Amino acid sequence: MNLKSQVIRNIATLAALPLALAAGPAGAQGGPAGLALAQQENCMSCHSVTHTLMGPALHEIALRYAAKPDAQAYLAHRIVEGSSGVWGNVPMPANTQLNAVQAAALANWILTLK
């Protein structure tokens, strides 16, 4: 089974993943678990929480997608599969080293940053 199929199959499981897993005890403004995972997986090489670097600020991503009912699943999919043309000319590479739970945790944490 390829990674895309695995992510799609686990959407229901990912939707049930508690927000607390990603936000950590410090809450939305810097949950240590989410930030630590983002740093460990090199997300912060291209993104910042509040400033645009090579990629958009994570705060801006949260603002754009927070109202979407499928925001967590959408972002988790984009984190794993990558994307291009959504935020400009610089593509986001696929992060195939992440499993579905890690991608969901990152997506949940990002959504707390609005």
C-alpha atoms as a PDB file:
ATOM      1  CA  MET A   1       0.000   0.000   0.000  1.00  0.00           C
ATOM      2  CA  ASN A   2       1.421   3.388  -0.947  1.00  0.00           C
ATOM      3  CA  LEU A   3       1.620   6.302   1.469  1.00  0.00           C
ATOM      4  CA  LYS A   4      -1.237   8.210  -0.164  1.00  0.00           C
ATOM      5  CA  SER A   5      -3.570   5.234   0.232  1.00  0.00           C
ATOM      6  CA  GLN A   6      -2.502   4.842   3.834  1.00  0.00           C
ATOM      7  CA  VAL A   7      -3.214   8.505   4.589  1.00  0.00           C
ATOM      8  CA  ILE A   8      -6.628   8.329   2.937  1.00  0.00           C
ATOM      9  CA  ARG A   9      -7.490   5.108   4.799  1.00  0.00           C
ATOM     10  CA  ASN A  10      -6.577   6.702   8.117  1.00  0.00           C
ATOM     11  CA  ILE A  11      -8.517   9.965   7.680  1.00  0.00           C
ATOM     12  CA  ALA A  12     -11.207   8.876  10.139  1.00  0.00           C
ATOM     13  CA  THR A  13      -8.574   7.960  12.694  1.00  0.00           C
ATOM     14  CA  LEU A  14      -6.748  11.228  12.164  1.00  0.00           C
ATOM     15  CA  ALA A  15      -9.911  13.279  12.603  1.00  0.00           C
ATOM     16  CA  ALA A  16     -10.349  11.741  16.026  1.00  0.00           C
ATOM     17  CA  LEU A  17      -6.806  12.525  17.146  1.00  0.00           C
ATOM     18  CA  PRO A  18      -7.084  14.843  20.135  1.00  0.00           C
ATOM     19  CA  LEU A  19      -5.979  18.405  19.625  1.00  0.00           C
ATOM     20  CA  ALA A  20      -4.091  18.180  22.889  1.00  0.00           C
ATOM     21  CA  LEU A  21      -1.628  15.717  21.394  1.00  0.00           C
ATOM     22  CA  ALA A  22      -0.266  18.394  19.120  1.00  0.00           C
ATOM     23  CA  ALA A  23      -0.787  21.495  21.223  1.00  0.00           C
ATOM     24  CA  GLY A  24       0.779  20.137  24.386  1.00  0.00           C
ATOM     25  CA  PRO A  25       0.256  21.515  27.874  1.00  0.00           C
ATOM     26  CA  ALA A  26       1.281  25.071  27.029  1.00  0.00           C
ATOM     27  CA  GLY A  27      -1.706  25.437  24.697  1.00  0.00           C
ATOM     28  CA  ALA A  28      -2.096  27.135  21.370  1.00  0.00           C
ATOM     29  CA  GLN A  29       0.579  29.784  21.639  1.00  0.00           C
ATOM     30  CA  GLY A  30       3.568  27.495  21.485  1.00  0.00           C
ATOM     31  CA  GLY A  31       2.554  23.993  22.482  1.00  0.00           C
ATOM     32  CA  PRO A  32       5.872  22.270  23.083  1.00  0.00           C
ATOM     33  CA  ALA A  33       4.898  18.924  21.534  1.00  0.00           C
ATOM     34  CA  GLY A  34       3.825  20.454  18.210  1.00  0.00           C
ATOM     35  CA  LEU A  35       6.757  22.831  18.036  1.00  0.00           C
ATOM     36  CA  ALA A  36       9.219  20.090  18.958  1.00  0.00           C
ATOM     37  CA  LEU A  37       7.860  17.829  16.229  1.00  0.00           C
ATOM     38  CA  ALA A  38       8.001  20.678  13.685  1.00  0.00           C
ATOM     39  CA  GLN A  39      11.608  21.352  14.629  1.00  0.00           C
ATOM     40  CA  GLN A  40      12.541  17.666  14.613  1.00  0.00           C
ATOM     41  CA  GLU A  41      11.071  17.164  11.144  1.00  0.00           C
ATOM     42  CA  ASN A  42      12.735  20.334   9.768  1.00  0.00           C
ATOM     43  CA  CYS A  43       9.462  22.187   9.133  1.00  0.00           C
ATOM     44  CA  MET A  44      11.048  25.242  10.704  1.00  0.00           C
ATOM     45  CA  SER A  45      13.733  25.309   8.010  1.00  0.00           C
ATOM     46  CA  CYS A  46      11.169  26.822   5.638  1.00  0.00           C
ATOM     47  CA  HIS A  47       8.412  27.997   8.001  1.00  0.00           C
ATOM     48  CA  SER A  48       8.183  30.225  11.037  1.00  0.00           C
ATOM     49  CA  VAL A  49       5.240  30.515  13.379  1.00  0.00           C
ATOM     50  CA  THR A  50       4.764  34.226  12.697  1.00  0.00           C
ATOM     51  CA  HIS A  51       6.951  35.259   9.743  1.00  0.00           C
ATOM     52  CA  THR A  52       7.087  34.254   6.101  1.00  0.00           C
ATOM     53  CA  LEU A  53      10.367  32.573   5.253  1.00  0.00           C
ATOM     54  CA  MET A  54      10.635  30.303   2.221  1.00  0.00           C
ATOM     55  CA  GLY A  55       7.164  29.012   3.122  1.00  0.00           C
ATOM     56  CA  PRO A  56       4.210  30.835   4.639  1.00  0.00           C
ATOM     57  CA  ALA A  57       4.009  31.560   8.354  1.00  0.00           C
ATOM     58  CA  LEU A  58       2.248  28.757  10.190  1.00  0.00           C
ATOM     59  CA  HIS A  59      -0.039  31.367  11.737  1.00  0.00           C
ATOM     60  CA  GLU A  60      -1.169  32.394   8.233  1.00  0.00           C
ATOM     61  CA  ILE A  61      -1.826  28.761   7.305  1.00  0.00           C
ATOM     62  CA  ALA A  62      -3.959  28.368  10.417  1.00  0.00           C
ATOM     63  CA  LEU A  63      -5.935  31.509   9.598  1.00  0.00           C
ATOM     64  CA  ARG A  64      -6.574  30.385   6.019  1.00  0.00           C
ATOM     65  CA  TYR A  65      -7.785  26.889   6.865  1.00  0.00           C
ATOM     66  CA  ALA A  66      -9.237  27.101  10.402  1.00  0.00           C
ATOM     67  CA  ALA A  67     -12.826  27.505   9.195  1.00  0.00           C
ATOM     68  CA  LYS A  68     -12.669  24.544   6.810  1.00  0.00           C
ATOM     69  CA  PRO A  69     -14.410  21.497   8.272  1.00  0.00           C
ATOM     70  CA  ASP A  70     -11.748  19.171   6.849  1.00  0.00           C
ATOM     71  CA  ALA A  71      -8.782  21.450   7.660  1.00  0.00           C
ATOM     72  CA  GLN A  72      -6.903  18.917   9.783  1.00  0.00           C
ATOM     73  CA  ALA A  73      -7.152  16.142   7.202  1.00  0.00           C
ATOM     74  CA  TYR A  74      -6.346  18.539   4.342  1.00  0.00           C
ATOM     75  CA  LEU A  75      -3.233  19.891   6.039  1.00  0.00           C
ATOM     76  CA  ALA A  76      -2.056  16.439   7.137  1.00  0.00           C
ATOM     77  CA  HIS A  77      -2.348  15.279   3.529  1.00  0.00           C
ATOM     78  CA  ARG A  78      -0.449  18.329   2.225  1.00  0.00           C
ATOM     79  CA  ILE A  79       2.274  17.852   4.828  1.00  0.00           C
ATOM     80  CA  VAL A  80       2.891  14.273   3.688  1.00  0.00           C
ATOM     81  CA  GLU A  81       2.282  14.671  -0.054  1.00  0.00           C
ATOM     82  CA  GLY A  82       3.649  18.199  -0.526  1.00  0.00           C
ATOM     83  CA  SER A  83       2.045  20.825  -2.759  1.00  0.00           C
ATOM     84  CA  SER A  84       2.774  23.516  -5.289  1.00  0.00           C
ATOM     85  CA  GLY A  85       1.120  26.732  -6.352  1.00  0.00           C
ATOM     86  CA  VAL A  86      -0.989  27.068  -3.196  1.00  0.00           C
ATOM     87  CA  TRP A  87       1.107  29.780  -1.506  1.00  0.00           C
ATOM     88  CA  GLY A  88       3.170  31.012  -4.418  1.00  0.00           C
ATOM     89  CA  ASN A  89       5.865  29.683  -6.697  1.00  0.00           C
ATOM     90  CA  VAL A  90       7.952  27.752  -4.163  1.00  0.00           C
ATOM     91  CA  PRO A  91       6.697  24.161  -3.897  1.00  0.00           C
ATOM     92  CA  MET A  92       6.484  22.361  -0.575  1.00  0.00           C
ATOM     93  CA  PRO A  93       8.291  19.032  -0.826  1.00  0.00           C
ATOM     94  CA  ALA A  94       6.638  15.816   0.294  1.00  0.00           C
ATOM     95  CA  ASN A  95       7.491  14.725   3.822  1.00  0.00           C
ATOM     96  CA  THR A  96       7.295  10.998   3.308  1.00  0.00           C
ATOM     97  CA  GLN A  97       9.313  10.338   6.464  1.00  0.00           C
ATOM     98  CA  LEU A  98       6.234  11.261   8.507  1.00  0.00           C
ATOM     99  CA  ASN A  99       3.588   8.722   9.396  1.00  0.00           C
ATOM    100  CA  ALA A 100      -0.115   9.591   9.417  1.00  0.00           C
ATOM    101  CA  VAL A 101      -0.237  10.269  13.166  1.00  0.00           C
ATOM    102  CA  GLN A 102       2.740  12.644  13.019  1.00  0.00           C
ATOM    103  CA  ALA A 103       1.230  14.527  10.069  1.00  0.00           C
ATOM    104  CA  ALA A 104      -2.077  14.827  11.933  1.00  0.00           C
ATOM    105  CA  ALA A 105      -0.300  16.079  15.053  1.00  0.00           C
ATOM    106  CA  LEU A 106       1.501  18.758  13.030  1.00  0.00           C
ATOM    107  CA  ALA A 107      -1.729  19.769  11.292  1.00  0.00           C
ATOM    108  CA  ASN A 108      -3.564  20.015  14.619  1.00  0.00           C
ATOM    109  CA  TRP A 109      -0.795  22.084  16.152  1.00  0.00           C
ATOM    110  CA  ILE A 110      -0.694  24.435  13.158  1.00  0.00           C
ATOM    111  CA  LEU A 111      -4.457  24.965  13.455  1.00  0.00           C
ATOM    112  CA  THR A 112      -4.017  26.100  17.068  1.00  0.00           C
ATOM    113  CA  LEU A 113      -1.780  28.957  15.927  1.00  0.00           C
ATOM    114  CA  LYS A 114      -4.575  31.121  14.557  1.00  0.00           C
END
